[in-house]
């Protein structure tokens, strides 16, 4: 019997992902820049989002899930424009956000009023 092993580059997912089609926002620059995105896959550990074809984002961003009222500090894990894979670092409840991140709650509330 052969000894078949997974390549070291293959890492199993830590959290089950779910295919979705929700609206979200990518925010950076202390709220100075915000982009609407489409959430394609979502898990407790990260998300796959779609942005415009010519959009670039920094290595760390805030990700707002418009539907759930949760934001995450996220690290860009991979880029295949227009899709980006995000790894969640910190979860932020937008109903009880720290004062210094108040701009995230304002962006979330503005998005709710447009739905």
PDB file of N, CA and C in Angstrom:
ATOM      1  N   UNK A   1       0.836  -1.170   0.000  1.00  0.00           N
ATOM      2  CA  UNK A   1       0.000   0.000   0.000  1.00  0.00           C
ATOM      3  C   UNK A   1       0.888   1.242   0.000  1.00  0.00           C
ATOM      4  N   UNK A   2       0.537   2.216  -0.806  1.00  0.00           N
ATOM      5  CA  UNK A   2       1.361   3.427  -0.882  1.00  0.00           C
ATOM      6  C   UNK A   2       1.021   4.373   0.258  1.00  0.00           C
ATOM      7  N   UNK A   3       2.000   5.180   0.610  1.00  0.00           N
ATOM      8  CA  UNK A   3       1.834   6.152   1.680  1.00  0.00           C
ATOM      9  C   UNK A   3       1.512   7.501   1.024  1.00  0.00           C
ATOM     10  N   UNK A   4       0.223   7.828   0.937  1.00  0.00           N
ATOM     11  CA  UNK A   4      -0.204   9.072   0.306  1.00  0.00           C
ATOM     12  C   UNK A   4      -0.355  10.123   1.388  1.00  0.00           C
ATOM     13  N   UNK A   5       0.324  11.226   1.202  1.00  0.00           N
ATOM     14  CA  UNK A   5       0.256  12.325   2.163  1.00  0.00           C
ATOM     15  C   UNK A   5      -0.165  13.596   1.451  1.00  0.00           C
ATOM     16  N   UNK A   6      -0.818  14.437   2.183  1.00  0.00           N
ATOM     17  CA  UNK A   6      -1.186  15.735   1.628  1.00  0.00           C
ATOM     18  C   UNK A   6       0.047  16.608   1.555  1.00  0.00           C
ATOM     19  N   UNK A   7       0.110  17.411   0.530  1.00  0.00           N
ATOM     20  CA  UNK A   7       1.245  18.319   0.400  1.00  0.00           C
ATOM     21  C   UNK A   7       1.228  19.321   1.550  1.00  0.00           C
ATOM     22  N   UNK A   8       2.394  19.834   1.954  1.00  0.00           N
ATOM     23  CA  UNK A   8       2.439  20.799   3.058  1.00  0.00           C
ATOM     24  C   UNK A   8       1.670  22.079   2.753  1.00  0.00           C
ATOM     25  N   UNK A   9       1.473  22.385   1.480  1.00  0.00           N
ATOM     26  CA  UNK A   9       0.763  23.613   1.120  1.00  0.00           C
ATOM     27  C   UNK A   9      -0.739  23.484   1.385  1.00  0.00           C
ATOM     28  N   UNK A  10      -1.241  22.243   1.466  1.00  0.00           N
ATOM     29  CA  UNK A  10      -2.663  22.032   1.696  1.00  0.00           C
ATOM     30  C   UNK A  10      -2.948  22.085   3.194  1.00  0.00           C
ATOM     31  N   UNK A  11      -3.776  23.043   3.589  1.00  0.00           N
ATOM     32  CA  UNK A  11      -4.155  23.168   4.989  1.00  0.00           C
ATOM     33  C   UNK A  11      -5.661  22.988   5.088  1.00  0.00           C
ATOM     34  N   UNK A  12      -6.132  22.086   5.929  1.00  0.00           N
ATOM     35  CA  UNK A  12      -7.575  21.912   6.058  1.00  0.00           C
ATOM     36  C   UNK A  12      -8.222  23.153   6.667  1.00  0.00           C
ATOM     37  N   UNK A  13      -9.458  23.408   6.306  1.00  0.00           N
ATOM     38  CA  UNK A  13     -10.186  24.556   6.843  1.00  0.00           C
ATOM     39  C   UNK A  13     -10.450  24.352   8.326  1.00  0.00           C
ATOM     40  N   UNK A  14     -10.311  25.409   9.089  1.00  0.00           N
ATOM     41  CA  UNK A  14     -10.570  25.343  10.523  1.00  0.00           C
ATOM     42  C   UNK A  14     -12.051  25.493  10.831  1.00  0.00           C
ATOM     43  N   UNK A  15     -12.799  26.137   9.943  1.00  0.00           N
ATOM     44  CA  UNK A  15     -14.229  26.341  10.151  1.00  0.00           C
ATOM     45  C   UNK A  15     -14.963  26.062   8.846  1.00  0.00           C
ATOM     46  N   UNK A  16     -16.108  25.407   8.957  1.00  0.00           N
ATOM     47  CA  UNK A  16     -16.900  25.097   7.766  1.00  0.00           C
ATOM     48  C   UNK A  16     -17.373  26.393   7.117  1.00  0.00           C
ATOM     49  N   UNK A  17     -17.241  26.449   5.808  1.00  0.00           N
ATOM     50  CA  UNK A  17     -17.700  27.659   5.129  1.00  0.00           C
ATOM     51  C   UNK A  17     -19.064  27.401   4.519  1.00  0.00           C
ATOM     52  N   UNK A  18     -19.801  28.492   4.361  1.00  0.00           N
ATOM     53  CA  UNK A  18     -21.144  28.415   3.815  1.00  0.00           C
ATOM     54  C   UNK A  18     -21.224  29.384   2.649  1.00  0.00           C
ATOM     55  N   UNK A  19     -21.747  28.904   1.531  1.00  0.00           N
ATOM     56  CA  UNK A  19     -21.949  29.798   0.386  1.00  0.00           C
ATOM     57  C   UNK A  19     -23.102  30.732   0.680  1.00  0.00           C
ATOM     58  N   UNK A  20     -22.877  32.009   0.437  1.00  0.00           N
ATOM     59  CA  UNK A  20     -23.886  33.027   0.700  1.00  0.00           C
ATOM     60  C   UNK A  20     -23.845  34.060  -0.420  1.00  0.00           C
ATOM     61  N   UNK A  21     -24.761  34.959  -0.388  1.00  0.00           N
ATOM     62  CA  UNK A  21     -24.765  36.093  -1.314  1.00  0.00           C
ATOM     63  C   UNK A  21     -25.323  37.285  -0.550  1.00  0.00           C
ATOM     64  N   UNK A  22     -24.467  37.887   0.275  1.00  0.00           N
ATOM     65  CA  UNK A  22     -24.854  38.998   1.135  1.00  0.00           C
ATOM     66  C   UNK A  22     -24.031  40.233   0.777  1.00  0.00           C
ATOM     67  N   UNK A  23     -24.513  41.366   1.233  1.00  0.00           N
ATOM     68  CA  UNK A  23     -23.778  42.607   1.063  1.00  0.00           C
ATOM     69  C   UNK A  23     -22.854  42.866   2.241  1.00  0.00           C
ATOM     70  N   UNK A  24     -21.753  43.516   1.967  1.00  0.00           N
ATOM     71  CA  UNK A  24     -20.810  43.858   3.014  1.00  0.00           C
ATOM     72  C   UNK A  24     -20.016  45.090   2.634  1.00  0.00           C
ATOM     73  N   UNK A  25     -19.086  45.435   3.501  1.00  0.00           N
ATOM     74  CA  UNK A  25     -18.197  46.569   3.243  1.00  0.00           C
ATOM     75  C   UNK A  25     -16.788  46.210   3.661  1.00  0.00           C
ATOM     76  N   UNK A  26     -15.840  46.721   2.911  1.00  0.00           N
ATOM     77  CA  UNK A  26     -14.426  46.675   3.255  1.00  0.00           C
ATOM     78  C   UNK A  26     -14.045  48.100   3.631  1.00  0.00           C
ATOM     79  N   UNK A  27     -13.424  48.265   4.798  1.00  0.00           N
ATOM     80  CA  UNK A  27     -13.106  49.594   5.316  1.00  0.00           C
ATOM     81  C   UNK A  27     -11.628  49.627   5.702  1.00  0.00           C
ATOM     82  N   UNK A  28     -10.960  50.721   5.359  1.00  0.00           N
ATOM     83  CA  UNK A  28      -9.567  50.917   5.795  1.00  0.00           C
ATOM     84  C   UNK A  28      -9.277  52.405   5.899  1.00  0.00           C
ATOM     85  N   UNK A  29      -8.089  52.716   6.376  1.00  0.00           N
ATOM     86  CA  UNK A  29      -7.708  54.128   6.537  1.00  0.00           C
ATOM     87  C   UNK A  29      -8.542  54.829   7.585  1.00  0.00           C
ATOM     88  N   UNK A  30      -8.788  54.176   8.724  1.00  0.00           N
ATOM     89  CA  UNK A  30      -9.597  54.748   9.807  1.00  0.00           C
ATOM     90  C   UNK A  30     -10.955  55.247   9.314  1.00  0.00           C
ATOM     91  N   UNK A  31     -11.526  54.520   8.377  1.00  0.00           N
ATOM     92  CA  UNK A  31     -12.849  54.860   7.860  1.00  0.00           C
ATOM     93  C   UNK A  31     -12.840  55.794   6.671  1.00  0.00           C
ATOM     94  N   UNK A  32     -11.664  56.268   6.267  1.00  0.00           N
ATOM     95  CA  UNK A  32     -11.580  57.199   5.133  1.00  0.00           C
ATOM     96  C   UNK A  32     -11.946  56.510   3.815  1.00  0.00           C
ATOM     97  N   UNK A  33     -11.733  55.203   3.736  1.00  0.00           N
ATOM     98  CA  UNK A  33     -12.025  54.451   2.520  1.00  0.00           C
ATOM     99  C   UNK A  33     -12.975  53.307   2.859  1.00  0.00           C
ATOM    100  N   UNK A  34     -14.066  53.223   2.127  1.00  0.00           N
ATOM    101  CA  UNK A  34     -14.978  52.093   2.290  1.00  0.00           C
ATOM    102  C   UNK A  34     -15.477  51.671   0.916  1.00  0.00           C
ATOM    103  N   UNK A  35     -15.546  50.364   0.741  1.00  0.00           N
ATOM    104  CA  UNK A  35     -15.975  49.790  -0.534  1.00  0.00           C
ATOM    105  C   UNK A  35     -17.079  48.780  -0.290  1.00  0.00           C
ATOM    106  N   UNK A  36     -18.123  48.840  -1.088  1.00  0.00           N
ATOM    107  CA  UNK A  36     -19.139  47.795  -1.024  1.00  0.00           C
ATOM    108  C   UNK A  36     -18.550  46.516  -1.599  1.00  0.00           C
ATOM    109  N   UNK A  37     -18.930  45.395  -1.017  1.00  0.00           N
ATOM    110  CA  UNK A  37     -18.475  44.112  -1.530  1.00  0.00           C
ATOM    111  C   UNK A  37     -19.631  43.125  -1.487  1.00  0.00           C
ATOM    112  N   UNK A  38     -19.478  42.039  -2.218  1.00  0.00           N
ATOM    113  CA  UNK A  38     -20.421  40.932  -2.168  1.00  0.00           C
ATOM    114  C   UNK A  38     -19.742  39.796  -1.432  1.00  0.00           C
ATOM    115  N   UNK A  39     -20.402  39.296  -0.394  1.00  0.00           N
ATOM    116  CA  UNK A  39     -19.867  38.172   0.372  1.00  0.00           C
ATOM    117  C   UNK A  39     -20.314  36.895  -0.331  1.00  0.00           C
ATOM    118  N   UNK A  40     -19.348  36.073  -0.752  1.00  0.00           N
ATOM    119  CA  UNK A  40     -19.631  34.829  -1.493  1.00  0.00           C
ATOM    120  C   UNK A  40     -19.612  33.595  -0.601  1.00  0.00           C
ATOM    121  N   UNK A  41     -18.640  33.517   0.300  1.00  0.00           N
ATOM    122  CA  UNK A  41     -18.505  32.415   1.258  1.00  0.00           C
ATOM    123  C   UNK A  41     -18.258  33.045   2.613  1.00  0.00           C
ATOM    124  N   UNK A  42     -18.775  32.389   3.663  1.00  0.00           N
ATOM    125  CA  UNK A  42     -18.619  32.942   4.998  1.00  0.00           C
ATOM    126  C   UNK A  42     -18.464  31.809   6.004  1.00  0.00           C
ATOM    127  N   UNK A  43     -17.527  31.973   6.936  1.00  0.00           N
ATOM    128  CA  UNK A  43     -17.348  31.031   8.040  1.00  0.00           C
ATOM    129  C   UNK A  43     -16.980  31.834   9.277  1.00  0.00           C
ATOM    130  N   UNK A  44     -16.823  31.151  10.391  1.00  0.00           N
ATOM    131  CA  UNK A  44     -16.399  31.835  11.609  1.00  0.00           C
ATOM    132  C   UNK A  44     -14.964  32.348  11.496  1.00  0.00           C
ATOM    133  N   UNK A  45     -14.194  31.762  10.589  1.00  0.00           N
ATOM    134  CA  UNK A  45     -12.771  32.107  10.469  1.00  0.00           C
ATOM    135  C   UNK A  45     -12.453  33.080   9.342  1.00  0.00           C
ATOM    136  N   UNK A  46     -13.377  33.271   8.387  1.00  0.00           N
ATOM    137  CA  UNK A  46     -13.062  34.147   7.277  1.00  0.00           C
ATOM    138  C   UNK A  46     -14.177  34.241   6.255  1.00  0.00           C
ATOM    139  N   UNK A  47     -13.867  34.906   5.136  1.00  0.00           N
ATOM    140  CA  UNK A  47     -14.858  35.124   4.086  1.00  0.00           C
ATOM    141  C   UNK A  47     -14.174  35.253   2.736  1.00  0.00           C
ATOM    142  N   UNK A  48     -14.936  34.928   1.710  1.00  0.00           N
ATOM    143  CA  UNK A  48     -14.536  35.215   0.337  1.00  0.00           C
ATOM    144  C   UNK A  48     -15.440  36.350  -0.125  1.00  0.00           C
ATOM    145  N   UNK A  49     -14.830  37.453  -0.572  1.00  0.00           N
ATOM    146  CA  UNK A  49     -15.600  38.602  -1.021  1.00  0.00           C
ATOM    147  C   UNK A  49     -15.218  38.962  -2.450  1.00  0.00           C
ATOM    148  N   UNK A  50     -16.153  39.599  -3.132  1.00  0.00           N
ATOM    149  CA  UNK A  50     -15.916  40.073  -4.487  1.00  0.00           C
ATOM    150  C   UNK A  50     -15.994  41.598  -4.485  1.00  0.00           C
ATOM    151  N   UNK A  51     -14.971  42.215  -5.068  1.00  0.00           N
ATOM    152  CA  UNK A  51     -14.912  43.669  -5.236  1.00  0.00           C
ATOM    153  C   UNK A  51     -14.857  43.958  -6.734  1.00  0.00           C
ATOM    154  N   UNK A  52     -14.642  45.188  -7.117  1.00  0.00           N
ATOM    155  CA  UNK A  52     -14.517  45.541  -8.525  1.00  0.00           C
ATOM    156  C   UNK A  52     -13.247  44.972  -9.146  1.00  0.00           C
ATOM    157  N   UNK A  53     -13.213  44.922 -10.468  1.00  0.00           N
ATOM    158  CA  UNK A  53     -12.069  44.346 -11.186  1.00  0.00           C
ATOM    159  C   UNK A  53     -10.761  45.095 -10.987  1.00  0.00           C
ATOM    160  N   UNK A  54     -10.803  46.368 -10.757  1.00  0.00           N
ATOM    161  CA  UNK A  54      -9.571  47.163 -10.637  1.00  0.00           C
ATOM    162  C   UNK A  54      -9.329  47.663  -9.217  1.00  0.00           C
ATOM    163  N   UNK A  55      -9.895  46.962  -8.248  1.00  0.00           N
ATOM    164  CA  UNK A  55      -9.800  47.395  -6.860  1.00  0.00           C
ATOM    165  C   UNK A  55      -8.641  46.701  -6.170  1.00  0.00           C
ATOM    166  N   UNK A  56      -7.916  47.454  -5.384  1.00  0.00           N
ATOM    167  CA  UNK A  56      -6.844  46.910  -4.561  1.00  0.00           C
ATOM    168  C   UNK A  56      -7.109  47.334  -3.122  1.00  0.00           C
ATOM    169  N   UNK A  57      -6.800  46.463  -2.178  1.00  0.00           N
ATOM    170  CA  UNK A  57      -6.990  46.785  -0.767  1.00  0.00           C
ATOM    171  C   UNK A  57      -5.714  46.434  -0.004  1.00  0.00           C
ATOM    172  N   UNK A  58      -5.489  47.093   1.138  1.00  0.00           N
ATOM    173  CA  UNK A  58      -4.285  46.794   1.924  1.00  0.00           C
ATOM    174  C   UNK A  58      -4.365  45.406   2.583  1.00  0.00           C
ATOM    175  N   UNK A  59      -3.276  44.999   3.198  1.00  0.00           N
ATOM    176  CA  UNK A  59      -3.162  43.660   3.795  1.00  0.00           C
ATOM    177  C   UNK A  59      -4.102  43.460   4.983  1.00  0.00           C
ATOM    178  N   UNK A  60      -4.425  44.520   5.721  1.00  0.00           N
ATOM    179  CA  UNK A  60      -5.377  44.437   6.816  1.00  0.00           C
ATOM    180  C   UNK A  60      -6.485  45.451   6.602  1.00  0.00           C
ATOM    181  N   UNK A  61      -7.712  44.988   6.773  1.00  0.00           N
ATOM    182  CA  UNK A  61      -8.895  45.819   6.570  1.00  0.00           C
ATOM    183  C   UNK A  61      -9.927  45.467   7.640  1.00  0.00           C
ATOM    184  N   UNK A  62     -10.943  46.299   7.729  1.00  0.00           N
ATOM    185  CA  UNK A  62     -12.131  45.928   8.497  1.00  0.00           C
ATOM    186  C   UNK A  62     -13.162  45.437   7.496  1.00  0.00           C
ATOM    187  N   UNK A  63     -13.830  44.369   7.864  1.00  0.00           N
ATOM    188  CA  UNK A  63     -14.869  43.761   7.038  1.00  0.00           C
ATOM    189  C   UNK A  63     -16.179  43.866   7.806  1.00  0.00           C
ATOM    190  N   UNK A  64     -17.201  44.456   7.183  1.00  0.00           N
ATOM    191  CA  UNK A  64     -18.518  44.580   7.808  1.00  0.00           C
ATOM    192  C   UNK A  64     -19.490  43.657   7.100  1.00  0.00           C
ATOM    193  N   UNK A  65     -20.110  42.768   7.870  1.00  0.00           N
ATOM    194  CA  UNK A  65     -21.194  41.927   7.373  1.00  0.00           C
ATOM    195  C   UNK A  65     -22.482  42.701   7.635  1.00  0.00           C
ATOM    196  N   UNK A  66     -23.048  43.314   6.609  1.00  0.00           N
ATOM    197  CA  UNK A  66     -24.223  44.171   6.755  1.00  0.00           C
ATOM    198  C   UNK A  66     -25.395  43.439   7.393  1.00  0.00           C
ATOM    199  N   UNK A  67     -25.558  42.188   7.068  1.00  0.00           N
ATOM    200  CA  UNK A  67     -26.711  41.419   7.528  1.00  0.00           C
ATOM    201  C   UNK A  67     -26.660  41.153   9.026  1.00  0.00           C
ATOM    202  N   UNK A  68     -25.483  40.814   9.545  1.00  0.00           N
ATOM    203  CA  UNK A  68     -25.386  40.381  10.940  1.00  0.00           C
ATOM    204  C   UNK A  68     -25.018  41.484  11.919  1.00  0.00           C
ATOM    205  N   UNK A  69     -24.554  42.626  11.432  1.00  0.00           N
ATOM    206  CA  UNK A  69     -24.149  43.697  12.340  1.00  0.00           C
ATOM    207  C   UNK A  69     -22.854  43.405  13.068  1.00  0.00           C
ATOM    208  N   UNK A  70     -21.985  42.657  12.396  1.00  0.00           N
ATOM    209  CA  UNK A  70     -20.696  42.292  12.959  1.00  0.00           C
ATOM    210  C   UNK A  70     -19.609  42.783  12.003  1.00  0.00           C
ATOM    211  N   UNK A  71     -18.528  43.287  12.584  1.00  0.00           N
ATOM    212  CA  UNK A  71     -17.348  43.653  11.804  1.00  0.00           C
ATOM    213  C   UNK A  71     -16.199  42.781  12.277  1.00  0.00           C
ATOM    214  N   UNK A  72     -15.207  42.645  11.440  1.00  0.00           N
ATOM    215  CA  UNK A  72     -14.005  41.893  11.782  1.00  0.00           C
ATOM    216  C   UNK A  72     -12.794  42.673  11.313  1.00  0.00           C
ATOM    217  N   UNK A  73     -11.756  42.724  12.150  1.00  0.00           N
ATOM    218  CA  UNK A  73     -10.456  43.096  11.639  1.00  0.00           C
ATOM    219  C   UNK A  73     -10.004  41.867  10.873  1.00  0.00           C
ATOM    220  N   UNK A  74      -9.612  42.032   9.626  1.00  0.00           N
ATOM    221  CA  UNK A  74      -9.305  40.885   8.772  1.00  0.00           C
ATOM    222  C   UNK A  74      -7.991  41.086   8.041  1.00  0.00           C
ATOM    223  N   UNK A  75      -7.349  39.978   7.785  1.00  0.00           N
ATOM    224  CA  UNK A  75      -6.107  39.951   7.009  1.00  0.00           C
ATOM    225  C   UNK A  75      -6.431  39.353   5.645  1.00  0.00           C
ATOM    226  N   UNK A  76      -5.924  39.970   4.588  1.00  0.00           N
ATOM    227  CA  UNK A  76      -6.126  39.419   3.249  1.00  0.00           C
ATOM    228  C   UNK A  76      -5.253  38.172   3.129  1.00  0.00           C
ATOM    229  N   UNK A  77      -5.892  37.014   2.964  1.00  0.00           N
ATOM    230  CA  UNK A  77      -5.185  35.736   2.888  1.00  0.00           C
ATOM    231  C   UNK A  77      -4.771  35.414   1.454  1.00  0.00           C
ATOM    232  N   UNK A  78      -5.589  35.842   0.483  1.00  0.00           N
ATOM    233  CA  UNK A  78      -5.262  35.622  -0.923  1.00  0.00           C
ATOM    234  C   UNK A  78      -6.016  36.635  -1.777  1.00  0.00           C
ATOM    235  N   UNK A  79      -5.497  36.825  -3.004  1.00  0.00           N
ATOM    236  CA  UNK A  79      -6.082  37.778  -3.968  1.00  0.00           C
ATOM    237  C   UNK A  79      -6.138  37.122  -5.334  1.00  0.00           C
ATOM    238  N   UNK A  80      -7.314  37.067  -5.895  1.00  0.00           N
ATOM    239  CA  UNK A  80      -7.519  36.660  -7.284  1.00  0.00           C
ATOM    240  C   UNK A  80      -8.604  37.595  -7.827  1.00  0.00           C
ATOM    241  N   UNK A  81      -8.173  38.803  -8.141  1.00  0.00           N
ATOM    242  CA  UNK A  81      -9.094  39.870  -8.524  1.00  0.00           C
ATOM    243  C   UNK A  81     -10.129  39.346  -9.502  1.00  0.00           C
ATOM    244  N   UNK A  82     -11.391  39.583  -9.236  1.00  0.00           N
ATOM    245  CA  UNK A  82     -11.999  40.511  -8.274  1.00  0.00           C
ATOM    246  C   UNK A  82     -12.307  39.885  -6.905  1.00  0.00           C
ATOM    247  N   UNK A  83     -11.839  38.653  -6.656  1.00  0.00           N
ATOM    248  CA  UNK A  83     -12.122  37.968  -5.391  1.00  0.00           C
ATOM    249  C   UNK A  83     -10.961  38.092  -4.413  1.00  0.00           C
ATOM    250  N   UNK A  84     -11.308  38.165  -3.124  1.00  0.00           N
ATOM    251  CA  UNK A  84     -10.332  38.260  -2.052  1.00  0.00           C
ATOM    252  C   UNK A  84     -10.745  37.315  -0.939  1.00  0.00           C
ATOM    253  N   UNK A  85      -9.773  36.619  -0.373  1.00  0.00           N
ATOM    254  CA  UNK A  85     -10.022  35.775   0.789  1.00  0.00           C
ATOM    255  C   UNK A  85      -9.584  36.508   2.037  1.00  0.00           C
ATOM    256  N   UNK A  86     -10.456  36.580   3.015  1.00  0.00           N
ATOM    257  CA  UNK A  86     -10.167  37.286   4.255  1.00  0.00           C
ATOM    258  C   UNK A  86     -10.088  36.302   5.418  1.00  0.00           C
ATOM    259  N   UNK A  87      -9.095  36.473   6.262  1.00  0.00           N
ATOM    260  CA  UNK A  87      -8.947  35.694   7.490  1.00  0.00           C
ATOM    261  C   UNK A  87      -9.288  36.627   8.646  1.00  0.00           C
ATOM    262  N   UNK A  88     -10.283  36.251   9.445  1.00  0.00           N
ATOM    263  CA  UNK A  88     -10.725  37.109  10.532  1.00  0.00           C
ATOM    264  C   UNK A  88      -9.744  37.050  11.702  1.00  0.00           C
ATOM    265  N   UNK A  89      -9.386  38.233  12.217  1.00  0.00           N
ATOM    266  CA  UNK A  89      -8.466  38.344  13.350  1.00  0.00           C
ATOM    267  C   UNK A  89      -9.210  38.696  14.640  1.00  0.00           C
ATOM    268  N   UNK A  90     -10.148  39.637  14.550  1.00  0.00           N
ATOM    269  CA  UNK A  90     -10.893  40.113  15.710  1.00  0.00           C
ATOM    270  C   UNK A  90     -12.345  40.351  15.313  1.00  0.00           C
ATOM    271  N   UNK A  91     -13.275  39.949  16.175  1.00  0.00           N
ATOM    272  CA  UNK A  91     -14.714  40.146  15.944  1.00  0.00           C
ATOM    273  C   UNK A  91     -15.172  41.364  16.730  1.00  0.00           C
ATOM    274  N   UNK A  92     -16.013  42.210  16.095  1.00  0.00           N
ATOM    275  CA  UNK A  92     -16.499  43.436  16.720  1.00  0.00           C
ATOM    276  C   UNK A  92     -18.015  43.493  16.555  1.00  0.00           C
ATOM    277  N   UNK A  93     -18.735  43.519  17.661  1.00  0.00           N
ATOM    278  CA  UNK A  93     -20.191  43.655  17.629  1.00  0.00           C
ATOM    279  C   UNK A  93     -20.510  45.131  17.391  1.00  0.00           C
ATOM    280  N   UNK A  94     -21.169  45.442  16.295  1.00  0.00           N
ATOM    281  CA  UNK A  94     -21.392  46.846  15.930  1.00  0.00           C
ATOM    282  C   UNK A  94     -22.474  47.522  16.769  1.00  0.00           C
ATOM    283  N   UNK A  95     -23.244  46.753  17.529  1.00  0.00           N
ATOM    284  CA  UNK A  95     -24.226  47.352  18.430  1.00  0.00           C
ATOM    285  C   UNK A  95     -23.556  47.889  19.693  1.00  0.00           C
ATOM    286  N   UNK A  96     -22.327  47.447  19.964  1.00  0.00           N
ATOM    287  CA  UNK A  96     -21.603  47.857  21.163  1.00  0.00           C
ATOM    288  C   UNK A  96     -20.127  48.057  20.810  1.00  0.00           C
ATOM    289  N   UNK A  97     -19.881  48.959  19.877  1.00  0.00           N
ATOM    290  CA  UNK A  97     -18.537  49.153  19.341  1.00  0.00           C
ATOM    291  C   UNK A  97     -17.737  50.145  20.205  1.00  0.00           C
ATOM    292  N   UNK A  98     -16.433  49.920  20.383  1.00  0.00           N
ATOM    293  CA  UNK A  98     -15.611  50.903  21.106  1.00  0.00           C
ATOM    294  C   UNK A  98     -15.642  52.261  20.389  1.00  0.00           C
ATOM    295  N   UNK A  99     -15.533  53.325  21.150  1.00  0.00           N
ATOM    296  CA  UNK A  99     -15.640  54.692  20.614  1.00  0.00           C
ATOM    297  C   UNK A  99     -14.687  54.934  19.440  1.00  0.00           C
ATOM    298  N   UNK A 100     -13.441  54.432  19.545  1.00  0.00           N
ATOM    299  CA  UNK A 100     -12.460  54.680  18.481  1.00  0.00           C
ATOM    300  C   UNK A 100     -12.810  53.977  17.168  1.00  0.00           C
ATOM    301  N   UNK A 101     -13.749  53.019  17.210  1.00  0.00           N
ATOM    302  CA  UNK A 101     -14.193  52.342  15.989  1.00  0.00           C
ATOM    303  C   UNK A 101     -15.633  52.724  15.623  1.00  0.00           C
ATOM    304  N   UNK A 102     -16.098  53.841  16.156  1.00  0.00           N
ATOM    305  CA  UNK A 102     -17.459  54.305  15.896  1.00  0.00           C
ATOM    306  C   UNK A 102     -17.778  54.463  14.415  1.00  0.00           C
ATOM    307  N   UNK A 103     -16.771  54.767  13.607  1.00  0.00           N
ATOM    308  CA  UNK A 103     -17.004  54.912  12.162  1.00  0.00           C
ATOM    309  C   UNK A 103     -17.514  53.609  11.546  1.00  0.00           C
ATOM    310  N   UNK A 104     -17.149  52.458  12.107  1.00  0.00           N
ATOM    311  CA  UNK A 104     -17.657  51.183  11.585  1.00  0.00           C
ATOM    312  C   UNK A 104     -19.168  51.076  11.814  1.00  0.00           C
ATOM    313  N   UNK A 105     -19.622  51.456  12.994  1.00  0.00           N
ATOM    314  CA  UNK A 105     -21.057  51.430  13.289  1.00  0.00           C
ATOM    315  C   UNK A 105     -21.810  52.416  12.401  1.00  0.00           C
ATOM    316  N   UNK A 106     -21.223  53.590  12.168  1.00  0.00           N
ATOM    317  CA  UNK A 106     -21.886  54.572  11.293  1.00  0.00           C
ATOM    318  C   UNK A 106     -22.025  54.034   9.866  1.00  0.00           C
ATOM    319  N   UNK A 107     -20.978  53.382   9.349  1.00  0.00           N
ATOM    320  CA  UNK A 107     -21.045  52.803   8.007  1.00  0.00           C
ATOM    321  C   UNK A 107     -22.072  51.679   7.944  1.00  0.00           C
ATOM    322  N   UNK A 108     -22.143  50.860   8.996  1.00  0.00           N
ATOM    323  CA  UNK A 108     -23.112  49.779   9.050  1.00  0.00           C
ATOM    324  C   UNK A 108     -24.539  50.341   9.054  1.00  0.00           C
ATOM    325  N   UNK A 109     -24.775  51.351   9.900  1.00  0.00           N
ATOM    326  CA  UNK A 109     -26.111  51.966   9.980  1.00  0.00           C
ATOM    327  C   UNK A 109     -26.510  52.633   8.667  1.00  0.00           C
ATOM    328  N   UNK A 110     -25.562  53.279   7.997  1.00  0.00           N
ATOM    329  CA  UNK A 110     -25.849  53.890   6.702  1.00  0.00           C
ATOM    330  C   UNK A 110     -26.233  52.834   5.680  1.00  0.00           C
ATOM    331  N   UNK A 111     -25.572  51.687   5.718  1.00  0.00           N
ATOM    332  CA  UNK A 111     -25.913  50.599   4.805  1.00  0.00           C
ATOM    333  C   UNK A 111     -27.266  49.997   5.090  1.00  0.00           C
ATOM    334  N   UNK A 112     -27.659  49.939   6.352  1.00  0.00           N
ATOM    335  CA  UNK A 112     -28.981  49.410   6.725  1.00  0.00           C
ATOM    336  C   UNK A 112     -30.092  50.275   6.168  1.00  0.00           C
ATOM    337  N   UNK A 113     -29.891  51.580   6.173  1.00  0.00           N
ATOM    338  CA  UNK A 113     -30.941  52.479   5.712  1.00  0.00           C
ATOM    339  C   UNK A 113     -31.166  52.380   4.200  1.00  0.00           C
ATOM    340  N   UNK A 114     -30.180  51.856   3.475  1.00  0.00           N
ATOM    341  CA  UNK A 114     -30.321  51.707   2.015  1.00  0.00           C
ATOM    342  C   UNK A 114     -30.950  50.391   1.613  1.00  0.00           C
ATOM    343  N   UNK A 115     -31.114  49.458   2.568  1.00  0.00           N
ATOM    344  CA  UNK A 115     -31.660  48.137   2.216  1.00  0.00           C
ATOM    345  C   UNK A 115     -33.144  48.137   2.150  1.00  0.00           C
TER     346      UNK A 115
END
